[in-house]
Amino acid sequence: MTGRRRTASTFLHPTFRPGRATALSAGAVALCASLTAGCGVVPGVTGGTGDDTVKVMTWAPQDTDATNKPGMPAMALAYAKWINTHGGLDGHKLQVLTCNDNNDSVGAAKCARRAAAEKVVAVVGSYSQFGDSYLAPLEGAGIPYIGGYGVTNDEFTGQMSYPVNGGQPALLAGLGQALAATCGNVALIRPDSIAGDELPALLDSGLKAGRHAQAGDHLAAEDATEYGDQADQALRYATKDVLKKGCVVPALGDRTDTFMDSFRRARETFPGVRLGTVLGSVDQTVINATGGASGPYEGAYITGWYPPASDARWDPMKKVINEEAFGDNRIDPADAGVQTTWIAYTVLRAAVEKIGTGEVSADSVRHTLDDGLRVSTGGLTPTLHWPYEGKLAAVGFPRMVNADVTLQVVQDGKLVAARRGRGGLDGITDMTRTLESADVV
């Protein structure tokens, strides 16, 4: 794999005890005045009023030329409003700070340092591509990172990271396994970035499980305004085998839509190919905007972490959105980032309830999670818990505890669950065994 970065484990010695970061802050009454650009708080919620307040942070890139996830901090704010009108977290008022990491390493580090300076008890339901910039400041302050998006492998190595899904590793492994049964040559188009460097081996692990050759690795600038050259290269590679239809896998996050504009034009001069991608790069809104059943995604395989948005298990989340964020177009219930944020706050709530009458601090939240807390998410994920090292420690993912993947397909313009046995996947499939063969360490 070209340019793949070796990922060192960031596990700390079991006797390591970082400085405590509590929910109490003597200067928090002046919080609003001290917020830097890109950060905010829940309107109407005051900090530093005593030990009834639990302060957390949620961050994500917003208003950038590359990937943007505004729905994640927006969902966090809506959750805080809702929980505070329903008695709080086990009686504690929830205060949410938000931060824009601006999709760069400097911004990610600034958000992490602010979290430490504000003495938050956790960073919850967040997205950043720069784990090597934000995890060290969080670990130094002893702040747990609950429910990151899983966009980099760092989230599955840090001792204070508590992921709720299998991230890009599980999605790409699942997609590779699904495509292996039906595709000729497979062309991957991915960002020319640190996060992008980790993607080929993950897709290849699924292809290998299906006894398929590795994918062709095609790099693209993450902030490009058109991808004509990359579309042409991918199509040339995918259509080399004249006996079996090839597949093209765009994995460019928010830029996947931009790639598809170029791809739609370029594919007219090539034999037909099948598309495959992951939720986060494509969702129902994108499918609708690009023509639905007559658009380029018709027939595409798409892997996700959770049940489809139409599943009744999402009804509690939708109720919160309707009550506290009706009309806020940043929050799409079908968005994987919004869904992940909901699940991450479910974990936080369970941890605070387990602490009970004790002090809610970064230390106590972390120790509660480490001491065997098992969190039910209403069937959206398996019961979550975080042992010191999970089953995938040997391949560099010691913190991955949920490698479940769902396979969906675009049929008549609608994203629906794939039929039984499609691509070797059926309903929700655990990709742990497939990832065990991934060459990522």
Protein backbone atom coordinates (compact mmCIF):
# COMPACT_ATOMS: atom_id res chain seq x y z
CA MET A 1 0.00 0.00 0.00
CA THR A 2 1.34 3.41 -0.97
CA GLY A 3 2.26 5.81 1.77
CA ARG A 4 0.76 3.83 4.61
CA ARG A 5 1.69 5.17 8.03
CA ARG A 6 2.67 2.81 10.79
CA THR A 7 0.50 3.37 13.83
CA ALA A 8 2.13 2.98 17.21
CA SER A 9 0.03 2.00 20.17
CA THR A 10 -0.58 4.83 22.60
CA PHE A 11 -1.43 2.55 25.52
CA LEU A 12 -0.22 3.81 28.85
CA HIS A 13 1.13 1.72 31.69
CA PRO A 14 -1.72 0.58 33.95
CA THR A 15 -0.25 2.53 36.85
CA PHE A 16 -0.41 5.80 34.93
CA ARG A 17 -2.78 8.26 36.59
CA PRO A 18 -3.11 11.61 34.80
CA GLY A 19 -4.16 14.77 36.54
CA ARG A 20 -7.79 14.88 37.45
CA ALA A 21 -10.22 16.90 35.35
CA THR A 22 -13.45 17.39 37.23
CA ALA A 23 -16.86 18.71 36.35
CA LEU A 24 -16.28 21.59 38.78
CA SER A 25 -14.76 24.85 37.58
CA ALA A 26 -14.49 27.90 39.80
CA GLY A 27 -14.13 30.22 36.82
CA ALA A 28 -16.77 28.65 34.64
CA VAL A 29 -19.27 31.43 35.36
CA ALA A 30 -17.21 33.55 32.99
CA LEU A 31 -17.13 30.80 30.38
CA CYS A 32 -19.06 32.55 27.63
CA ALA A 33 -16.72 35.51 27.72
CA SER A 34 -13.68 33.30 27.42
CA LEU A 35 -14.79 31.14 24.49
CA THR A 36 -12.51 31.34 21.45
CA ALA A 37 -13.71 31.53 17.86
CA GLY A 38 -15.42 28.38 16.71
CA CYS A 39 -16.64 27.27 20.14
CA GLY A 40 -19.96 27.70 21.91
CA VAL A 41 -22.18 26.47 24.73
CA VAL A 42 -25.74 25.39 25.15
CA PRO A 43 -27.92 28.52 25.41
CA GLY A 44 -29.42 28.95 28.84
CA VAL A 45 -27.07 26.53 30.59
CA THR A 46 -24.62 28.05 33.04
CA GLY A 47 -21.41 26.45 34.18
CA GLY A 48 -19.61 26.47 37.52
CA THR A 49 -22.75 26.62 39.63
CA GLY A 50 -21.71 23.69 41.76
CA ASP A 51 -21.41 19.96 41.49
CA ASP A 52 -24.76 19.64 39.71
CA THR A 53 -23.14 20.53 36.36
CA VAL A 54 -21.40 18.04 34.09
CA LYS A 55 -19.35 19.83 31.45
CA VAL A 56 -18.34 18.06 28.20
CA MET A 57 -17.16 19.06 24.73
CA THR A 58 -18.17 17.96 21.22
CA TRP A 59 -16.07 19.01 18.23
CA ALA A 60 -16.24 18.61 14.46
CA PRO A 61 -15.10 20.47 11.33
CA GLN A 62 -17.51 23.09 10.06
CA ASP A 63 -17.48 25.58 7.17
CA THR A 64 -14.32 24.12 5.61
CA ASP A 65 -13.44 23.34 1.98
CA ALA A 66 -13.22 19.62 2.78
CA THR A 67 -15.19 17.38 5.17
CA ASN A 68 -17.80 19.06 7.39
CA LYS A 69 -19.85 17.51 10.19
CA PRO A 70 -22.02 20.32 11.63
CA GLY A 71 -24.73 17.85 12.64
CA MET A 72 -22.58 16.35 15.39
CA PRO A 73 -22.19 19.44 17.63
CA ALA A 74 -25.75 20.45 16.73
CA MET A 75 -27.02 17.05 17.93
CA ALA A 76 -24.99 17.42 21.12
CA LEU A 77 -26.58 20.79 21.85
CA ALA A 78 -30.06 19.43 21.16
CA TYR A 79 -29.40 16.46 23.45
CA ALA A 80 -28.26 18.77 26.25
CA LYS A 81 -31.39 20.90 25.96
CA TRP A 82 -33.56 17.80 26.03
CA ILE A 83 -31.82 16.05 28.91
CA ASN A 84 -31.83 19.23 31.00
CA THR A 85 -35.59 19.59 30.61
CA HIS A 86 -35.99 15.97 31.73
CA GLY A 87 -34.03 16.06 34.98
CA GLY A 88 -30.49 16.12 33.60
CA LEU A 89 -27.93 13.32 33.75
CA ASP A 90 -28.99 11.51 36.90
CA GLY A 91 -29.86 14.90 38.37
CA HIS A 92 -26.79 16.71 36.99
CA LYS A 93 -27.19 19.58 34.57
CA LEU A 94 -25.37 18.89 31.29
CA GLN A 95 -23.29 21.67 29.76
CA VAL A 96 -21.95 21.14 26.24
CA LEU A 97 -19.08 23.15 24.79
CA THR A 98 -18.56 22.90 21.03
CA CYS A 99 -15.44 23.46 18.98
CA ASN A 100 -14.62 23.67 15.27
CA ASP A 101 -11.38 21.84 14.48
CA ASN A 102 -11.39 23.45 11.00
CA ASN A 103 -10.31 20.12 9.53
CA ASP A 104 -6.64 20.68 10.33
CA SER A 105 -4.18 19.42 12.91
CA VAL A 106 -3.68 22.82 14.53
CA GLY A 107 -7.42 23.24 15.04
CA ALA A 108 -7.75 19.73 16.47
CA ALA A 109 -4.95 20.40 18.97
CA LYS A 110 -6.55 23.73 19.97
CA CYS A 111 -9.89 22.04 20.64
CA ALA A 112 -8.18 19.41 22.80
CA ARG A 113 -6.25 22.03 24.77
CA ARG A 114 -9.48 23.98 25.35
CA ALA A 115 -11.14 20.84 26.61
CA ALA A 116 -8.31 20.41 29.11
CA ALA A 117 -8.34 24.09 30.12
CA GLU A 118 -12.12 24.00 30.66
CA LYS A 119 -11.76 20.80 32.71
CA VAL A 120 -14.44 18.91 30.79
CA VAL A 121 -15.23 15.43 32.04
CA ALA A 122 -15.24 13.96 28.51
CA VAL A 123 -15.11 14.76 24.81
CA VAL A 124 -18.24 13.12 23.40
CA GLY A 125 -19.50 12.25 19.92
CA SER A 126 -16.86 14.10 17.95
CA TYR A 127 -15.14 14.00 14.55
CA SER A 128 -11.56 14.82 13.63
CA GLN A 129 -9.07 13.34 11.20
CA PHE A 130 -6.14 14.31 13.44
CA GLY A 131 -6.00 11.85 16.30
CA ASP A 132 -2.25 12.31 16.62
CA SER A 133 -2.91 16.00 17.43
CA TYR A 134 -5.79 15.75 19.90
CA LEU A 135 -5.31 12.45 21.75
CA ALA A 136 -2.06 13.41 23.50
CA PRO A 137 -3.51 16.58 25.10
CA LEU A 138 -6.59 14.64 26.19
CA GLU A 139 -4.53 11.81 27.65
CA GLY A 140 -2.29 14.29 29.45
CA ALA A 141 -5.37 15.76 31.13
CA GLY A 142 -6.98 12.36 31.73
CA ILE A 143 -10.04 13.20 29.61
CA PRO A 144 -11.90 10.27 27.99
CA TYR A 145 -12.82 10.48 24.30
CA ILE A 146 -16.23 8.82 23.95
CA GLY A 147 -17.71 7.88 20.60
CA GLY A 148 -15.45 9.49 18.05
CA TYR A 149 -16.41 8.94 14.43
CA GLY A 150 -13.69 6.35 13.91
CA VAL A 151 -12.13 8.20 10.99
CA THR A 152 -8.54 7.31 11.95
CA ASN A 153 -6.88 4.29 13.48
CA ASP A 154 -5.66 6.41 16.42
CA GLU A 155 -9.15 6.21 17.91
CA PHE A 156 -8.73 2.45 18.24
CA THR A 157 -5.36 2.58 20.00
CA GLY A 158 -5.62 5.31 22.67
CA GLN A 159 -6.23 4.05 26.21
CA MET A 160 -8.68 6.89 26.85
CA SER A 161 -10.60 6.40 23.60
CA TYR A 162 -13.99 4.67 23.88
CA PRO A 163 -15.28 4.13 20.32
CA VAL A 164 -18.89 3.07 19.79
CA ASN A 165 -18.53 1.76 16.24
CA GLY A 166 -15.88 0.14 14.05
CA GLY A 167 -15.07 3.35 12.20
CA GLN A 168 -13.69 3.34 8.69
CA PRO A 169 -11.90 0.00 9.31
CA ALA A 170 -15.15 -1.94 9.74
CA LEU A 171 -17.00 -0.11 6.96
CA LEU A 172 -14.29 -0.66 4.37
CA ALA A 173 -13.67 -4.26 5.40
CA GLY A 174 -17.40 -4.94 5.10
CA LEU A 175 -17.58 -3.20 1.74
CA GLY A 176 -14.62 -5.19 0.43
CA GLN A 177 -16.24 -8.45 1.51
CA ALA A 178 -19.48 -7.47 -0.20
CA LEU A 179 -17.78 -6.46 -3.45
CA ALA A 180 -15.50 -9.49 -3.61
CA ALA A 181 -18.31 -11.76 -4.76
CA THR A 182 -19.53 -9.59 -7.62
CA CYS A 183 -16.70 -7.35 -8.88
CA GLY A 184 -13.86 -7.66 -11.32
CA ASN A 185 -11.15 -5.05 -10.75
CA VAL A 186 -11.87 -2.75 -7.80
CA ALA A 187 -10.62 0.86 -7.89
CA LEU A 188 -10.43 2.83 -4.62
CA ILE A 189 -10.39 6.64 -4.78
CA ARG A 190 -9.38 8.07 -1.42
CA PRO A 191 -7.91 11.25 0.09
CA ASP A 192 -4.20 11.96 -0.22
CA SER A 193 -3.94 12.43 3.55
CA ILE A 194 -2.84 10.64 6.70
CA ALA A 195 -6.38 9.38 7.26
CA GLY A 196 -6.61 8.34 3.61
CA ASP A 197 -3.37 6.37 3.81
CA GLU A 198 -5.05 3.90 6.15
CA LEU A 199 -7.96 3.03 3.85
CA PRO A 200 -6.50 0.66 1.19
CA ALA A 201 -5.43 -2.06 3.63
CA LEU A 202 -8.87 -2.02 5.22
CA LEU A 203 -10.75 -2.44 1.95
CA ASP A 204 -8.24 -5.11 0.92
CA SER A 205 -8.90 -7.09 4.11
CA GLY A 206 -12.52 -7.57 3.04
CA LEU A 207 -11.55 -8.34 -0.55
CA LYS A 208 -9.04 -10.90 0.71
CA ALA A 209 -11.72 -12.54 2.86
CA GLY A 210 -13.72 -12.99 -0.35
CA ARG A 211 -10.66 -14.36 -2.19
CA HIS A 212 -10.37 -11.26 -4.37
CA ALA A 213 -7.28 -9.37 -5.50
CA GLN A 214 -6.31 -6.07 -3.87
CA ALA A 215 -7.93 -2.84 -4.99
CA GLY A 216 -6.18 -0.28 -7.14
CA ASP A 217 -5.22 2.69 -4.95
CA HIS A 218 -5.97 6.10 -6.51
CA LEU A 219 -5.17 9.27 -4.53
CA ALA A 220 -7.10 12.53 -4.74
CA ALA A 221 -6.77 15.95 -3.14
CA GLU A 222 -9.33 16.23 -0.37
CA ASP A 223 -10.30 19.81 -1.23
CA ALA A 224 -10.34 19.58 -5.04
CA THR A 225 -13.18 21.21 -6.96
CA GLU A 226 -13.22 18.54 -9.69
CA TYR A 227 -11.90 14.99 -10.10
CA GLY A 228 -11.85 14.39 -13.85
CA ASP A 229 -8.38 12.84 -13.90
CA GLN A 230 -9.09 10.59 -10.90
CA ALA A 231 -12.43 9.45 -12.37
CA ASP A 232 -10.73 8.58 -15.64
CA GLN A 233 -7.93 6.66 -13.88
CA ALA A 234 -10.37 4.73 -11.72
CA LEU A 235 -12.55 3.77 -14.68
CA ARG A 236 -9.56 2.64 -16.73
CA TYR A 237 -8.46 0.38 -13.89
CA ALA A 238 -11.93 -0.98 -13.08
CA THR A 239 -12.70 -1.89 -16.71
CA LYS A 240 -9.44 -3.70 -17.53
CA ASP A 241 -11.13 -7.07 -17.09
CA VAL A 242 -13.56 -7.40 -19.99
CA LEU A 243 -15.09 -10.61 -18.59
CA LYS A 244 -16.35 -9.24 -15.25
CA LYS A 245 -17.86 -5.89 -14.36
CA GLY A 246 -15.48 -3.77 -12.33
CA CYS A 247 -16.27 -1.68 -9.27
CA VAL A 248 -15.34 1.85 -8.26
CA VAL A 249 -15.16 2.83 -4.58
CA PRO A 250 -15.07 6.58 -3.87
CA ALA A 251 -14.17 7.18 -0.22
CA LEU A 252 -13.74 10.95 -0.11
CA GLY A 253 -16.17 11.94 2.63
CA ASP A 254 -18.05 15.11 1.73
CA ARG A 255 -16.04 15.35 -1.51
CA THR A 256 -17.55 12.12 -2.82
CA ASP A 257 -20.38 14.16 -4.32
CA THR A 258 -17.85 16.35 -6.14
CA PHE A 259 -16.08 13.25 -7.44
CA MET A 260 -19.37 11.85 -8.69
CA ASP A 261 -19.98 14.95 -10.82
CA SER A 262 -16.75 14.16 -12.66
CA PHE A 263 -17.39 10.42 -12.62
CA ARG A 264 -20.84 10.76 -14.20
CA ARG A 265 -19.34 12.52 -17.19
CA ALA A 266 -16.31 10.24 -17.51
CA ARG A 267 -18.21 6.94 -17.29
CA GLU A 268 -20.09 7.59 -20.54
CA THR A 269 -17.05 6.50 -22.56
CA PHE A 270 -16.32 3.35 -20.51
CA PRO A 271 -18.05 -0.01 -20.02
CA GLY A 272 -20.48 -0.17 -17.10
CA VAL A 273 -19.16 -0.46 -13.55
CA ARG A 274 -20.74 -0.94 -10.13
CA LEU A 275 -20.31 1.58 -7.34
CA GLY A 276 -19.58 0.85 -3.70
CA THR A 277 -19.00 3.27 -0.84
CA VAL A 278 -19.62 3.87 2.85
CA LEU A 279 -22.14 5.90 4.82
CA GLY A 280 -20.57 9.24 5.59
CA SER A 281 -19.56 9.56 1.96
CA VAL A 282 -23.12 8.96 0.70
CA ASP A 283 -26.56 9.06 2.33
CA GLN A 284 -30.18 9.25 1.18
CA THR A 285 -30.02 13.04 0.82
CA VAL A 286 -27.10 12.74 -1.60
CA ILE A 287 -28.84 9.96 -3.52
CA ASN A 288 -31.95 12.14 -3.91
CA ALA A 289 -29.94 15.18 -4.97
CA THR A 290 -28.13 13.22 -7.68
CA GLY A 291 -31.22 11.87 -9.41
CA GLY A 292 -32.50 9.03 -7.25
CA ALA A 293 -33.27 5.95 -9.34
CA SER A 294 -31.86 7.62 -12.47
CA GLY A 295 -28.74 8.82 -10.68
CA PRO A 296 -25.23 7.35 -10.51
CA TYR A 297 -25.78 5.54 -7.19
CA GLU A 298 -28.54 3.23 -8.39
CA GLY A 299 -27.44 -0.33 -7.59
CA ALA A 300 -24.54 0.82 -5.40
CA TYR A 301 -23.53 -1.10 -2.29
CA ILE A 302 -23.15 1.07 0.80
CA THR A 303 -21.97 -0.10 4.20
CA GLY A 304 -22.95 1.51 7.51
CA TRP A 305 -22.56 0.87 11.24
CA TYR A 306 -26.15 1.00 12.35
CA PRO A 307 -29.66 -0.02 11.28
CA PRO A 308 -31.26 2.11 8.52
CA ALA A 309 -32.64 5.46 9.66
CA SER A 310 -36.17 4.16 9.11
CA ASP A 311 -35.68 1.56 11.86
CA ALA A 312 -37.90 2.11 14.92
CA ARG A 313 -34.87 1.86 17.19
CA TRP A 314 -34.00 5.43 16.17
CA ASP A 315 -37.36 6.80 17.36
CA PRO A 316 -36.03 8.11 20.73
CA MET A 317 -33.35 10.12 18.91
CA LYS A 318 -35.87 11.47 16.43
CA LYS A 319 -38.12 12.50 19.32
CA VAL A 320 -35.30 14.55 20.83
CA ILE A 321 -34.58 16.20 17.49
CA ASN A 322 -38.24 17.06 16.96
CA GLU A 323 -38.58 18.50 20.45
CA GLU A 324 -35.37 20.51 20.61
CA ALA A 325 -34.09 21.09 17.07
CA PHE A 326 -37.12 21.07 14.78
CA GLY A 327 -36.18 22.90 11.60
CA ASP A 328 -32.43 22.75 12.26
CA ASN A 329 -31.25 21.46 8.88
CA ARG A 330 -27.81 20.64 10.28
CA ILE A 331 -29.29 17.62 12.05
CA ASP A 332 -30.24 14.79 9.71
CA PRO A 333 -31.42 11.65 11.56
CA ALA A 334 -29.97 9.56 8.72
CA ASP A 335 -26.50 11.08 9.10
CA ALA A 336 -24.00 8.64 10.59
CA GLY A 337 -22.32 11.45 12.54
CA VAL A 338 -25.59 12.48 14.17
CA GLN A 339 -26.34 8.84 14.99
CA THR A 340 -22.89 8.32 16.48
CA THR A 341 -23.28 11.42 18.63
CA TRP A 342 -26.59 10.11 19.97
CA ILE A 343 -25.00 6.79 20.89
CA ALA A 344 -21.99 8.51 22.48
CA TYR A 345 -24.23 10.58 24.74
CA THR A 346 -26.10 7.40 25.63
CA VAL A 347 -22.76 6.06 26.90
CA LEU A 348 -22.07 9.26 28.86
CA ARG A 349 -25.50 9.08 30.48
CA ALA A 350 -24.95 5.45 31.50
CA ALA A 351 -21.57 6.31 33.02
CA VAL A 352 -22.94 9.23 35.05
CA GLU A 353 -25.84 7.10 36.29
CA LYS A 354 -23.39 4.39 37.35
CA ILE A 355 -21.31 6.94 39.29
CA GLY A 356 -24.45 7.83 41.21
CA THR A 357 -23.85 10.10 44.19
CA GLY A 358 -20.10 10.21 43.63
CA GLU A 359 -18.22 13.11 42.07
CA VAL A 360 -18.59 13.26 38.29
CA SER A 361 -15.12 14.00 36.93
CA ALA A 362 -12.94 12.92 34.05
CA ASP A 363 -11.31 10.44 36.43
CA SER A 364 -14.58 8.94 37.63
CA VAL A 365 -16.09 8.74 34.12
CA ARG A 366 -12.96 7.05 32.80
CA HIS A 367 -12.67 4.61 35.69
CA THR A 368 -16.37 3.74 35.37
CA LEU A 369 -15.90 2.90 31.71
CA ASP A 370 -12.72 0.94 32.46
CA ASP A 371 -14.26 -1.03 35.31
CA GLY A 372 -16.59 -3.09 33.14
CA LEU A 373 -19.59 -0.80 32.56
CA ARG A 374 -21.87 -2.39 29.98
CA VAL A 375 -24.02 0.02 27.99
CA SER A 376 -27.20 -0.93 26.15
CA THR A 377 -28.02 1.27 23.16
CA GLY A 378 -31.49 -0.11 22.53
CA GLY A 379 -30.28 -2.51 19.86
CA LEU A 380 -28.50 0.12 17.74
CA THR A 381 -25.21 -1.57 18.59
CA PRO A 382 -24.19 -4.63 20.57
CA THR A 383 -23.94 -4.01 24.30
CA LEU A 384 -20.86 -1.80 24.58
CA HIS A 385 -18.01 -2.28 27.03
CA TRP A 386 -14.30 -1.57 26.82
CA PRO A 387 -11.83 -4.15 28.15
CA TYR A 388 -8.19 -3.14 28.45
CA GLU A 389 -7.49 -4.82 25.12
CA GLY A 390 -10.18 -5.99 22.71
CA LYS A 391 -10.15 -8.89 20.27
CA LEU A 392 -8.44 -6.83 17.57
CA ALA A 393 -5.45 -5.74 19.64
CA ALA A 394 -3.12 -7.95 17.61
CA VAL A 395 -3.83 -5.98 14.42
CA GLY A 396 -3.59 -2.54 15.97
CA PHE A 397 -7.20 -1.94 17.08
CA PRO A 398 -7.10 -2.72 20.84
CA ARG A 399 -10.00 -0.35 21.60
CA MET A 400 -12.39 -1.55 18.90
CA VAL A 401 -15.30 -3.27 20.64
CA ASN A 402 -17.97 -3.07 17.94
CA ALA A 403 -17.07 -4.17 14.42
CA ASP A 404 -20.67 -4.63 13.25
CA VAL A 405 -21.51 -3.54 9.70
CA THR A 406 -24.79 -3.31 7.83
CA LEU A 407 -24.94 -3.69 4.04
CA GLN A 408 -27.40 -1.51 2.18
CA VAL A 409 -28.11 -1.09 -1.51
CA VAL A 410 -29.65 1.71 -3.56
CA GLN A 411 -32.80 0.25 -5.11
CA ASP A 412 -35.26 2.39 -7.08
CA GLY A 413 -33.48 5.43 -5.65
CA LYS A 414 -33.92 4.31 -2.03
CA LEU A 415 -31.29 3.11 0.40
CA VAL A 416 -32.58 -0.22 1.70
CA ALA A 417 -31.17 -3.22 3.52
CA ALA A 418 -29.42 -5.59 1.13
CA ARG A 419 -31.07 -8.94 0.45
CA ARG A 420 -30.06 -12.06 2.35
CA GLY A 421 -26.63 -13.31 1.39
CA ARG A 422 -25.75 -10.30 -0.78
CA GLY A 423 -21.99 -9.99 -0.98
CA GLY A 424 -21.53 -12.52 1.80
CA LEU A 425 -23.21 -10.20 4.32
CA ASP A 426 -26.61 -10.69 5.87
CA GLY A 427 -28.23 -7.99 8.00
CA ILE A 428 -25.73 -6.94 10.65
CA THR A 429 -22.37 -8.67 10.26
CA ASP A 430 -19.47 -8.67 12.71
CA MET A 431 -16.26 -7.90 10.79
CA THR A 432 -13.89 -8.86 13.63
CA ARG A 433 -12.53 -11.98 11.93
CA THR A 434 -12.06 -10.16 8.63
CA LEU A 435 -10.16 -7.29 10.26
CA GLU A 436 -7.88 -9.77 11.98
CA SER A 437 -6.19 -10.21 8.59
CA ALA A 438 -5.83 -6.48 7.83
CA ASP A 439 -2.25 -5.28 7.24
CA VAL A 440 -2.49 -2.05 9.25
CA VAL A 441 0.17 -2.33 11.96
